[in-house]
């Protein structure tokens, strides 16, 4: 089962690291922050920025949530990172967890999606994480290379930006710019019509 640990924005990685160090591994399976890639255009070049998709949220999977919660409450330094007790440890619905699993990769990153339009702003083809969220698209900002999607998380509607690549970006080298996380395997990438390779 998935849970969200709420903490102060900017403290997500610190809380994750503390859990990995101080909480017995038998109390949880995974503890992670979900990140997203966005494409930024600067001086005729494309840069991928990696940032937190849900600021203030740390995700944890556990079959022993009660024991896990009480274990974390006993660690003073962890207790300081927690927000209000009532909203610190929240259950993620099965459907919400399944959607998150579909849109992120094994490193917990929501990557860029390829979008093909008809030239008038109408979407003709989508590949990548955005593919499963097309019905939830609220707004497309092609010049800024992102799409705003409304998702349900913790029973509330949240909006998240999905980074996109358009036809004119294909074949261009993409470099990583600002990265809020230690993402493994950051390297130059090129896009093709089938996706990223």
C-alpha atoms as a PDB file:
ATOM      1  CA  UNK A   1       0.000   0.000   0.000  1.00  0.00           C
ATOM      2  CA  UNK A   2       1.144   3.526  -0.811  1.00  0.00           C
ATOM      3  CA  UNK A   3       1.301   6.403   1.660  1.00  0.00           C
ATOM      4  CA  UNK A   4       2.357  10.038   1.495  1.00  0.00           C
ATOM      5  CA  UNK A   5       4.542  11.588   4.168  1.00  0.00           C
ATOM      6  CA  UNK A   6       4.121  15.342   4.185  1.00  0.00           C
ATOM      7  CA  UNK A   7       7.133  17.509   4.942  1.00  0.00           C
ATOM      8  CA  UNK A   8       8.310  21.037   4.264  1.00  0.00           C
ATOM      9  CA  UNK A   9       9.132  21.817   0.640  1.00  0.00           C
ATOM     10  CA  UNK A  10      12.842  21.375   0.088  1.00  0.00           C
ATOM     11  CA  UNK A  11      13.145  18.764   2.869  1.00  0.00           C
ATOM     12  CA  UNK A  12      11.858  15.800   0.822  1.00  0.00           C
ATOM     13  CA  UNK A  13      15.254  14.242   0.032  1.00  0.00           C
ATOM     14  CA  UNK A  14      16.432  14.757   3.611  1.00  0.00           C
ATOM     15  CA  UNK A  15      13.403  12.869   4.973  1.00  0.00           C
ATOM     16  CA  UNK A  16      13.873  10.072   2.418  1.00  0.00           C
ATOM     17  CA  UNK A  17      17.536   9.727   3.356  1.00  0.00           C
ATOM     18  CA  UNK A  18      16.709   9.591   7.086  1.00  0.00           C
ATOM     19  CA  UNK A  19      14.114   6.885   6.507  1.00  0.00           C
ATOM     20  CA  UNK A  20      16.631   4.806   4.532  1.00  0.00           C
ATOM     21  CA  UNK A  21      19.165   5.168   7.355  1.00  0.00           C
ATOM     22  CA  UNK A  22      17.000   4.948  10.481  1.00  0.00           C
ATOM     23  CA  UNK A  23      13.869   2.923   9.750  1.00  0.00           C
ATOM     24  CA  UNK A  24      14.142  -0.894   9.705  1.00  0.00           C
ATOM     25  CA  UNK A  25      13.838  -2.147   6.121  1.00  0.00           C
ATOM     26  CA  UNK A  26      11.181  -4.709   7.080  1.00  0.00           C
ATOM     27  CA  UNK A  27       8.742  -1.857   7.804  1.00  0.00           C
ATOM     28  CA  UNK A  28       8.654  -0.520   4.223  1.00  0.00           C
ATOM     29  CA  UNK A  29       9.433  -1.545   0.661  1.00  0.00           C
ATOM     30  CA  UNK A  30      10.220   1.766  -1.047  1.00  0.00           C
ATOM     31  CA  UNK A  31      10.587   5.382   0.012  1.00  0.00           C
ATOM     32  CA  UNK A  32      10.945   7.995  -2.730  1.00  0.00           C
ATOM     33  CA  UNK A  33      10.196  11.434  -4.137  1.00  0.00           C
ATOM     34  CA  UNK A  34       8.518  11.713  -7.547  1.00  0.00           C
ATOM     35  CA  UNK A  35      10.270  14.031  -9.990  1.00  0.00           C
ATOM     36  CA  UNK A  36       9.322  15.357 -13.396  1.00  0.00           C
ATOM     37  CA  UNK A  37      11.234  16.474 -16.472  1.00  0.00           C
ATOM     38  CA  UNK A  38      10.360  19.734 -18.173  1.00  0.00           C
ATOM     39  CA  UNK A  39      11.801  21.162 -21.360  1.00  0.00           C
ATOM     40  CA  UNK A  40      13.112  24.720 -21.259  1.00  0.00           C
ATOM     41  CA  UNK A  41      14.145  26.591 -24.384  1.00  0.00           C
ATOM     42  CA  UNK A  42      16.969  29.100 -24.078  1.00  0.00           C
ATOM     43  CA  UNK A  43      18.946  30.730 -26.889  1.00  0.00           C
ATOM     44  CA  UNK A  44      17.708  28.252 -29.523  1.00  0.00           C
ATOM     45  CA  UNK A  45      18.690  25.301 -27.293  1.00  0.00           C
ATOM     46  CA  UNK A  46      16.598  22.846 -25.306  1.00  0.00           C
ATOM     47  CA  UNK A  47      17.395  22.029 -21.693  1.00  0.00           C
ATOM     48  CA  UNK A  48      15.757  19.415 -19.489  1.00  0.00           C
ATOM     49  CA  UNK A  49      15.028  20.587 -15.960  1.00  0.00           C
ATOM     50  CA  UNK A  50      14.253  17.957 -13.334  1.00  0.00           C
ATOM     51  CA  UNK A  51      12.108  19.090 -10.420  1.00  0.00           C
ATOM     52  CA  UNK A  52       9.823  17.687  -7.740  1.00  0.00           C
ATOM     53  CA  UNK A  53       6.432  16.780  -9.168  1.00  0.00           C
ATOM     54  CA  UNK A  54       4.698  17.019  -5.776  1.00  0.00           C
ATOM     55  CA  UNK A  55       6.577  19.445  -3.502  1.00  0.00           C
ATOM     56  CA  UNK A  56       6.322  18.517   0.176  1.00  0.00           C
ATOM     57  CA  UNK A  57       5.406  14.878  -0.527  1.00  0.00           C
ATOM     58  CA  UNK A  58       7.508  11.774   0.125  1.00  0.00           C
ATOM     59  CA  UNK A  59       5.976   8.480  -1.020  1.00  0.00           C
ATOM     60  CA  UNK A  60       6.429   5.252   0.915  1.00  0.00           C
ATOM     61  CA  UNK A  61       5.074   1.756   0.378  1.00  0.00           C
ATOM     62  CA  UNK A  62       4.437  -0.462   3.385  1.00  0.00           C
ATOM     63  CA  UNK A  63       2.531  -3.505   4.557  1.00  0.00           C
ATOM     64  CA  UNK A  64       3.076  -2.381   8.171  1.00  0.00           C
ATOM     65  CA  UNK A  65       1.869   1.260   8.148  1.00  0.00           C
ATOM     66  CA  UNK A  66       1.063   1.491  11.850  1.00  0.00           C
ATOM     67  CA  UNK A  67       4.454   0.139  12.982  1.00  0.00           C
ATOM     68  CA  UNK A  68       6.156   2.367  10.394  1.00  0.00           C
ATOM     69  CA  UNK A  69       4.327   5.482  11.598  1.00  0.00           C
ATOM     70  CA  UNK A  70       5.205   4.906  15.263  1.00  0.00           C
ATOM     71  CA  UNK A  71       8.816   4.097  14.396  1.00  0.00           C
ATOM     72  CA  UNK A  72       9.174   7.437  12.562  1.00  0.00           C
ATOM     73  CA  UNK A  73       7.507   9.365  15.395  1.00  0.00           C
ATOM     74  CA  UNK A  74      10.151   8.051  17.821  1.00  0.00           C
ATOM     75  CA  UNK A  75      13.056   9.511  15.822  1.00  0.00           C
ATOM     76  CA  UNK A  76      13.355  13.156  16.993  1.00  0.00           C
ATOM     77  CA  UNK A  77      15.088  14.460  13.867  1.00  0.00           C
ATOM     78  CA  UNK A  78      12.385  12.850  11.698  1.00  0.00           C
ATOM     79  CA  UNK A  79       9.588  14.233  13.881  1.00  0.00           C
ATOM     80  CA  UNK A  80      10.965  17.753  13.231  1.00  0.00           C
ATOM     81  CA  UNK A  81      10.565  17.229   9.461  1.00  0.00           C
ATOM     82  CA  UNK A  82       6.932  16.200   9.790  1.00  0.00           C
ATOM     83  CA  UNK A  83       4.135  18.650   9.218  1.00  0.00           C
ATOM     84  CA  UNK A  84       0.928  18.631  11.272  1.00  0.00           C
ATOM     85  CA  UNK A  85       0.426  15.142  12.818  1.00  0.00           C
ATOM     86  CA  UNK A  86      -3.077  14.854  11.407  1.00  0.00           C
ATOM     87  CA  UNK A  87      -1.895  15.223   7.803  1.00  0.00           C
ATOM     88  CA  UNK A  88       1.614  13.796   7.998  1.00  0.00           C
ATOM     89  CA  UNK A  89       0.899  10.174   7.053  1.00  0.00           C
ATOM     90  CA  UNK A  90      -1.809   9.843   4.390  1.00  0.00           C
ATOM     91  CA  UNK A  91      -3.131   6.826   2.473  1.00  0.00           C
ATOM     92  CA  UNK A  92      -2.920   6.868  -1.352  1.00  0.00           C
ATOM     93  CA  UNK A  93      -5.917   5.244  -3.064  1.00  0.00           C
ATOM     94  CA  UNK A  94      -5.193   2.187  -5.230  1.00  0.00           C
ATOM     95  CA  UNK A  95      -6.282   3.940  -8.470  1.00  0.00           C
ATOM     96  CA  UNK A  96      -4.088   6.953  -7.666  1.00  0.00           C
ATOM     97  CA  UNK A  97      -1.055   4.723  -7.009  1.00  0.00           C
ATOM     98  CA  UNK A  98      -1.667   2.784 -10.233  1.00  0.00           C
ATOM     99  CA  UNK A  99      -1.762   5.998 -12.258  1.00  0.00           C
ATOM    100  CA  UNK A 100       1.472   7.249 -10.673  1.00  0.00           C
ATOM    101  CA  UNK A 101       3.139   3.916 -11.490  1.00  0.00           C
ATOM    102  CA  UNK A 102       2.060   4.248 -15.134  1.00  0.00           C
ATOM    103  CA  UNK A 103       3.422   7.770 -15.598  1.00  0.00           C
ATOM    104  CA  UNK A 104       6.808   7.459 -13.852  1.00  0.00           C
ATOM    105  CA  UNK A 105       9.867   5.355 -14.662  1.00  0.00           C
ATOM    106  CA  UNK A 106      11.892   3.061 -12.360  1.00  0.00           C
ATOM    107  CA  UNK A 107      13.800   6.116 -11.015  1.00  0.00           C
ATOM    108  CA  UNK A 108      10.455   7.728 -10.027  1.00  0.00           C
ATOM    109  CA  UNK A 109      10.753  10.372 -12.764  1.00  0.00           C
ATOM    110  CA  UNK A 110       7.875  11.485 -14.985  1.00  0.00           C
ATOM    111  CA  UNK A 111       9.767  11.867 -18.247  1.00  0.00           C
ATOM    112  CA  UNK A 112       9.060  14.020 -21.275  1.00  0.00           C
ATOM    113  CA  UNK A 113       6.249  13.048 -23.655  1.00  0.00           C
ATOM    114  CA  UNK A 114       6.179  13.427 -27.428  1.00  0.00           C
ATOM    115  CA  UNK A 115       3.195  15.361 -28.794  1.00  0.00           C
ATOM    116  CA  UNK A 116       2.225  15.637 -32.450  1.00  0.00           C
ATOM    117  CA  UNK A 117      -0.283  18.349 -33.365  1.00  0.00           C
ATOM    118  CA  UNK A 118      -2.087  19.233 -36.578  1.00  0.00           C
ATOM    119  CA  UNK A 119      -0.497  22.695 -36.679  1.00  0.00           C
ATOM    120  CA  UNK A 120      -3.615  24.301 -35.245  1.00  0.00           C
ATOM    121  CA  UNK A 121      -3.081  23.110 -31.691  1.00  0.00           C
ATOM    122  CA  UNK A 122      -5.155  19.923 -31.901  1.00  0.00           C
ATOM    123  CA  UNK A 123      -3.389  16.830 -30.553  1.00  0.00           C
ATOM    124  CA  UNK A 124      -3.018  14.001 -33.062  1.00  0.00           C
ATOM    125  CA  UNK A 125      -0.553  11.673 -31.340  1.00  0.00           C
ATOM    126  CA  UNK A 126       0.889  11.280 -27.839  1.00  0.00           C
ATOM    127  CA  UNK A 127       3.601   8.960 -26.566  1.00  0.00           C
ATOM    128  CA  UNK A 128       5.252   8.797 -23.168  1.00  0.00           C
ATOM    129  CA  UNK A 129       3.796   9.364 -19.696  1.00  0.00           C
ATOM    130  CA  UNK A 130       1.177  11.829 -20.944  1.00  0.00           C
ATOM    131  CA  UNK A 131      -0.431   9.087 -23.045  1.00  0.00           C
ATOM    132  CA  UNK A 132      -2.485   7.769 -20.088  1.00  0.00           C
ATOM    133  CA  UNK A 133      -3.546  11.295 -19.026  1.00  0.00           C
ATOM    134  CA  UNK A 134      -4.893  12.756 -22.283  1.00  0.00           C
ATOM    135  CA  UNK A 135      -8.498  12.992 -20.958  1.00  0.00           C
ATOM    136  CA  UNK A 136      -7.233  15.000 -17.944  1.00  0.00           C
ATOM    137  CA  UNK A 137      -5.439  17.681 -20.014  1.00  0.00           C
ATOM    138  CA  UNK A 138      -6.563  21.120 -18.875  1.00  0.00           C
ATOM    139  CA  UNK A 139      -4.332  23.370 -20.985  1.00  0.00           C
ATOM    140  CA  UNK A 140      -1.561  23.054 -23.581  1.00  0.00           C
ATOM    141  CA  UNK A 141       1.234  25.612 -23.771  1.00  0.00           C
ATOM    142  CA  UNK A 142       3.207  24.442 -26.774  1.00  0.00           C
ATOM    143  CA  UNK A 143       5.611  27.406 -26.839  1.00  0.00           C
ATOM    144  CA  UNK A 144       6.581  26.671 -23.224  1.00  0.00           C
ATOM    145  CA  UNK A 145       6.740  22.917 -23.955  1.00  0.00           C
ATOM    146  CA  UNK A 146       4.329  21.763 -21.285  1.00  0.00           C
ATOM    147  CA  UNK A 147       0.794  20.539 -20.788  1.00  0.00           C
ATOM    148  CA  UNK A 148      -1.219  21.098 -17.630  1.00  0.00           C
ATOM    149  CA  UNK A 149      -2.970  17.953 -16.385  1.00  0.00           C
ATOM    150  CA  UNK A 150      -5.466  17.590 -13.530  1.00  0.00           C
ATOM    151  CA  UNK A 151      -4.867  14.459 -11.427  1.00  0.00           C
ATOM    152  CA  UNK A 152      -6.491  13.116  -8.282  1.00  0.00           C
ATOM    153  CA  UNK A 153      -4.123  12.554  -5.364  1.00  0.00           C
ATOM    154  CA  UNK A 154      -5.111  11.997  -1.735  1.00  0.00           C
ATOM    155  CA  UNK A 155      -8.725  12.520  -2.733  1.00  0.00           C
ATOM    156  CA  UNK A 156      -8.034  16.054  -3.995  1.00  0.00           C
ATOM    157  CA  UNK A 157      -7.510  17.413  -7.469  1.00  0.00           C
ATOM    158  CA  UNK A 158      -3.940  18.505  -8.188  1.00  0.00           C
ATOM    159  CA  UNK A 159      -2.532  20.040 -11.329  1.00  0.00           C
ATOM    160  CA  UNK A 160       0.833  18.973 -12.652  1.00  0.00           C
ATOM    161  CA  UNK A 161       2.861  20.121 -15.640  1.00  0.00           C
ATOM    162  CA  UNK A 162       3.934  17.409 -18.060  1.00  0.00           C
ATOM    163  CA  UNK A 163       6.980  18.320 -20.114  1.00  0.00           C
ATOM    164  CA  UNK A 164       6.517  17.780 -23.853  1.00  0.00           C
ATOM    165  CA  UNK A 165       8.618  17.560 -26.982  1.00  0.00           C
ATOM    166  CA  UNK A 166       7.190  18.672 -30.328  1.00  0.00           C
ATOM    167  CA  UNK A 167       8.038  17.652 -33.895  1.00  0.00           C
ATOM    168  CA  UNK A 168      10.427  20.588 -34.320  1.00  0.00           C
ATOM    169  CA  UNK A 169      12.435  19.365 -31.299  1.00  0.00           C
ATOM    170  CA  UNK A 170      13.120  15.959 -32.844  1.00  0.00           C
ATOM    171  CA  UNK A 171      16.789  15.261 -33.493  1.00  0.00           C
ATOM    172  CA  UNK A 172      17.941  18.167 -31.326  1.00  0.00           C
ATOM    173  CA  UNK A 173      20.372  17.490 -28.549  1.00  0.00           C
ATOM    174  CA  UNK A 174      18.893  17.927 -25.090  1.00  0.00           C
ATOM    175  CA  UNK A 175      21.089  18.876 -22.163  1.00  0.00           C
ATOM    176  CA  UNK A 176      20.217  18.764 -18.514  1.00  0.00           C
ATOM    177  CA  UNK A 177      19.958  22.160 -16.867  1.00  0.00           C
ATOM    178  CA  UNK A 178      18.690  22.578 -13.305  1.00  0.00           C
ATOM    179  CA  UNK A 179      18.347  19.230 -11.528  1.00  0.00           C
ATOM    180  CA  UNK A 180      16.741  19.078  -8.065  1.00  0.00           C
ATOM    181  CA  UNK A 181      17.591  15.411  -7.607  1.00  0.00           C
ATOM    182  CA  UNK A 182      20.510  13.050  -8.056  1.00  0.00           C
ATOM    183  CA  UNK A 183      19.082  11.313 -11.150  1.00  0.00           C
ATOM    184  CA  UNK A 184      21.102   8.301 -12.241  1.00  0.00           C
ATOM    185  CA  UNK A 185      22.318   8.192 -15.810  1.00  0.00           C
ATOM    186  CA  UNK A 186      21.881  11.848 -16.746  1.00  0.00           C
ATOM    187  CA  UNK A 187      23.244  12.173 -20.227  1.00  0.00           C
ATOM    188  CA  UNK A 188      22.632  13.868 -23.548  1.00  0.00           C
ATOM    189  CA  UNK A 189      19.596  12.468 -25.304  1.00  0.00           C
ATOM    190  CA  UNK A 190      18.034  12.793 -28.691  1.00  0.00           C
ATOM    191  CA  UNK A 191      14.370  12.413 -29.571  1.00  0.00           C
ATOM    192  CA  UNK A 192      12.912  10.383 -32.403  1.00  0.00           C
ATOM    193  CA  UNK A 193       9.299   9.975 -33.501  1.00  0.00           C
ATOM    194  CA  UNK A 194       9.057   6.751 -31.524  1.00  0.00           C
ATOM    195  CA  UNK A 195      10.122   8.490 -28.333  1.00  0.00           C
ATOM    196  CA  UNK A 196      13.449   8.955 -26.608  1.00  0.00           C
ATOM    197  CA  UNK A 197      16.562   6.941 -27.318  1.00  0.00           C
END
